[in-house]
Amino acid sequence: MSTSDLKLKLIAQIIAIDDRFLLDRIEEITNSIESSVHEPTSTYEKVDSEKIYVFNEWQQKRIDIALKQVENGEYISDEEAQIEIEKWFEEQE
């Protein structure tokens, strides 16, 4: 399948989605991709003869957002996510 064909397939699938939660998640993914395209690459710093990974500004912002979401209880467990995904797939059939 070509990239163009895949894009068209994904667009058609997104158009068919009525689940607001899932659409919000898709939007988050596309927004994060748009943001990361223009971000500088990550770097390593040498501390005590060890290389330490240093997050770039975009990565640190995403981590901070995620930590706040966890603090506010704005998350679901992996098990709950799997149940929602299975439910969504069943609705698509």
C-alpha atoms as a PDB file:
ATOM      1  CA  MET A   1       0.000   0.000   0.000  1.00  0.00           C
ATOM      2  CA  SER A   2       1.394   3.381  -0.945  1.00  0.00           C
ATOM      3  CA  THR A   3       1.632   6.285   1.480  1.00  0.00           C
ATOM      4  CA  SER A   4      -1.152   8.079  -0.393  1.00  0.00           C
ATOM      5  CA  ASP A   5      -3.399   5.027  -0.180  1.00  0.00           C
ATOM      6  CA  LEU A   6      -2.714   4.695   3.534  1.00  0.00           C
ATOM      7  CA  LYS A   7      -3.536   8.370   4.104  1.00  0.00           C
ATOM      8  CA  LEU A   8      -6.848   7.978   2.286  1.00  0.00           C
ATOM      9  CA  LYS A   9      -7.664   4.838   4.257  1.00  0.00           C
ATOM     10  CA  LEU A  10      -6.923   6.604   7.557  1.00  0.00           C
ATOM     11  CA  ILE A  11      -8.996   9.635   6.573  1.00  0.00           C
ATOM     12  CA  ALA A  12     -11.955   7.382   5.750  1.00  0.00           C
ATOM     13  CA  GLN A  13     -11.593   5.567   9.076  1.00  0.00           C
ATOM     14  CA  ILE A  14     -11.427   8.830  11.014  1.00  0.00           C
ATOM     15  CA  ILE A  15     -14.521  10.162   9.248  1.00  0.00           C
ATOM     16  CA  ALA A  16     -16.411   7.043  10.360  1.00  0.00           C
ATOM     17  CA  ILE A  17     -15.496   7.503  14.043  1.00  0.00           C
ATOM     18  CA  ASP A  18     -18.197   8.905  16.328  1.00  0.00           C
ATOM     19  CA  ASP A  19     -16.348   8.289  19.595  1.00  0.00           C
ATOM     20  CA  ARG A  20     -15.335  11.730  20.935  1.00  0.00           C
ATOM     21  CA  PHE A  21     -12.748  10.238  23.316  1.00  0.00           C
ATOM     22  CA  LEU A  22     -10.983   8.455  20.473  1.00  0.00           C
ATOM     23  CA  LEU A  23     -11.107  11.533  18.245  1.00  0.00           C
ATOM     24  CA  ASP A  24      -9.559  13.601  21.043  1.00  0.00           C
ATOM     25  CA  ARG A  25      -6.730  11.077  21.345  1.00  0.00           C
ATOM     26  CA  ILE A  26      -6.141  11.146  17.574  1.00  0.00           C
ATOM     27  CA  GLU A  27      -5.992  14.945  17.724  1.00  0.00           C
ATOM     28  CA  GLU A  28      -3.432  14.768  20.545  1.00  0.00           C
ATOM     29  CA  ILE A  29      -1.274  12.468  18.450  1.00  0.00           C
ATOM     30  CA  THR A  30      -1.433  14.658  15.357  1.00  0.00           C
ATOM     31  CA  ASN A  31      -0.757  17.803  17.409  1.00  0.00           C
ATOM     32  CA  SER A  32       2.256  16.215  19.067  1.00  0.00           C
ATOM     33  CA  ILE A  33       3.630  15.169  15.680  1.00  0.00           C
ATOM     34  CA  GLU A  34       3.198  18.692  14.297  1.00  0.00           C
ATOM     35  CA  SER A  35       4.943  20.137  17.347  1.00  0.00           C
ATOM     36  CA  SER A  36       7.821  17.690  17.288  1.00  0.00           C
ATOM     37  CA  VAL A  37       8.663  18.252  13.631  1.00  0.00           C
ATOM     38  CA  HIS A  38      10.102  21.670  14.445  1.00  0.00           C
ATOM     39  CA  GLU A  39      11.731  20.799  17.745  1.00  0.00           C
ATOM     40  CA  PRO A  40      15.476  20.508  18.160  1.00  0.00           C
ATOM     41  CA  THR A  41      16.895  17.067  18.664  1.00  0.00           C
ATOM     42  CA  SER A  42      17.673  15.815  22.135  1.00  0.00           C
ATOM     43  CA  THR A  43      21.183  15.904  23.504  1.00  0.00           C
ATOM     44  CA  TYR A  44      23.434  14.106  25.920  1.00  0.00           C
ATOM     45  CA  GLU A  45      25.563  15.724  28.582  1.00  0.00           C
ATOM     46  CA  LYS A  46      28.569  14.179  30.189  1.00  0.00           C
ATOM     47  CA  VAL A  47      28.310  14.049  33.992  1.00  0.00           C
ATOM     48  CA  ASP A  48      30.917  12.209  36.029  1.00  0.00           C
ATOM     49  CA  SER A  49      32.122  10.420  32.892  1.00  0.00           C
ATOM     50  CA  GLU A  50      28.581   9.202  32.118  1.00  0.00           C
ATOM     51  CA  LYS A  51      26.373  10.310  29.259  1.00  0.00           C
ATOM     52  CA  ILE A  52      23.060  11.691  30.564  1.00  0.00           C
ATOM     53  CA  TYR A  53      20.100  12.132  28.232  1.00  0.00           C
ATOM     54  CA  VAL A  54      18.710  15.678  28.323  1.00  0.00           C
ATOM     55  CA  PHE A  55      15.132  16.247  27.198  1.00  0.00           C
ATOM     56  CA  ASN A  56      14.501  19.017  24.748  1.00  0.00           C
ATOM     57  CA  GLU A  57      11.879  21.682  25.542  1.00  0.00           C
ATOM     58  CA  TRP A  58       9.063  19.895  23.711  1.00  0.00           C
ATOM     59  CA  GLN A  59       9.756  16.571  25.448  1.00  0.00           C
ATOM     60  CA  GLN A  60       9.906  18.190  28.894  1.00  0.00           C
ATOM     61  CA  LYS A  61       6.630  20.027  28.234  1.00  0.00           C
ATOM     62  CA  ARG A  62       4.917  16.742  27.284  1.00  0.00           C
ATOM     63  CA  ILE A  63       6.294  15.072  30.430  1.00  0.00           C
ATOM     64  CA  ASP A  64       5.047  17.942  32.604  1.00  0.00           C
ATOM     65  CA  ILE A  65       1.586  17.749  31.032  1.00  0.00           C
ATOM     66  CA  ALA A  66       1.457  13.986  31.576  1.00  0.00           C
ATOM     67  CA  LEU A  67       2.509  14.318  35.231  1.00  0.00           C
ATOM     68  CA  LYS A  68      -0.247  16.889  35.840  1.00  0.00           C
ATOM     69  CA  GLN A  69      -2.772  14.582  34.185  1.00  0.00           C
ATOM     70  CA  VAL A  70      -1.744  11.742  36.497  1.00  0.00           C
ATOM     71  CA  GLU A  71      -1.918  14.028  39.552  1.00  0.00           C
ATOM     72  CA  ASN A  72      -5.462  15.033  38.513  1.00  0.00           C
ATOM     73  CA  GLY A  73      -6.528  11.421  37.942  1.00  0.00           C
ATOM     74  CA  GLU A  74      -6.884  12.044  34.202  1.00  0.00           C
ATOM     75  CA  TYR A  75      -5.774   8.638  33.053  1.00  0.00           C
ATOM     76  CA  ILE A  76      -7.026   5.109  32.573  1.00  0.00           C
ATOM     77  CA  SER A  77      -5.274   1.844  33.239  1.00  0.00           C
ATOM     78  CA  ASP A  78      -3.870  -0.287  30.445  1.00  0.00           C
ATOM     79  CA  GLU A  79      -6.637  -2.807  31.133  1.00  0.00           C
ATOM     80  CA  GLU A  80      -9.319  -0.119  30.773  1.00  0.00           C
ATOM     81  CA  ALA A  81      -7.695   1.116  27.559  1.00  0.00           C
ATOM     82  CA  GLN A  82      -7.656  -2.401  26.114  1.00  0.00           C
ATOM     83  CA  ILE A  83     -11.363  -2.815  26.953  1.00  0.00           C
ATOM     84  CA  GLU A  84     -12.181   0.502  25.243  1.00  0.00           C
ATOM     85  CA  ILE A  85     -10.154  -0.460  22.178  1.00  0.00           C
ATOM     86  CA  GLU A  86     -11.854  -3.854  21.922  1.00  0.00           C
ATOM     87  CA  LYS A  87     -15.268  -2.203  22.333  1.00  0.00           C
ATOM     88  CA  TRP A  88     -14.402   0.269  19.584  1.00  0.00           C
ATOM     89  CA  PHE A  89     -13.300  -2.511  17.236  1.00  0.00           C
ATOM     90  CA  GLU A  90     -16.535  -4.406  17.890  1.00  0.00           C
ATOM     91  CA  GLU A  91     -18.551  -1.286  17.066  1.00  0.00           C
ATOM     92  CA  GLN A  92     -16.682  -0.954  13.762  1.00  0.00           C
ATOM     93  CA  GLU A  93     -17.745  -4.413  12.577  1.00  0.00           C
END
